[in-house]
Amino acid sequence: MEFISKNIFIIAIALVSGGMLLWPLLRRGVGGPSVNTLAATQLINRSDALVVDLRSMEDYAKGHILGAKNIPLADLERRAGELDKHKTKPLILHCGDGNRTGSGVAALRKKGFQSVHNLAGGYTAWLQAGLPVEK
């Protein structure tokens, strides 16, 4: 007990840093697998994956991945039926930066979609990789 009281600050730092190391693993488990831009293009070209853009309609109109379907994240639960014909195909979900897509992946998995992936880095990563977009 004396050790803990004398070193509480060091123990707190150790616990916080350990939590920060575990956070990405816990987050990945909830949101499903992430794919980088290379893996995403391979899924699109080889497995006819459908890209679902979870950004707002305004952001989608400014530019989006070729052939992407726009369903804003706020509407995904309500509009998931529009994707039913793609249940057996891989789906690649993305937002602007890849941070909000996990909840969309989890929601579609609950509705029976088999292969749902999060585009790591989102639309920003796609642009940085120099991959094609349309406006």
Foldseek 3Di string as FASTA:
>chain_A
DVVCVVCVVVVVVVVVVVCVVCVVVVLCVQQDAADEPVVVVCLCVPQVEEEEEQEDPVVVVVKDAPRHHYDHPVCCLVPVVVCVVCLAGAYEYFYQQQPPNSVSSNSVVVVRRDHYYYHHGGPVSCVVVVHDMDD
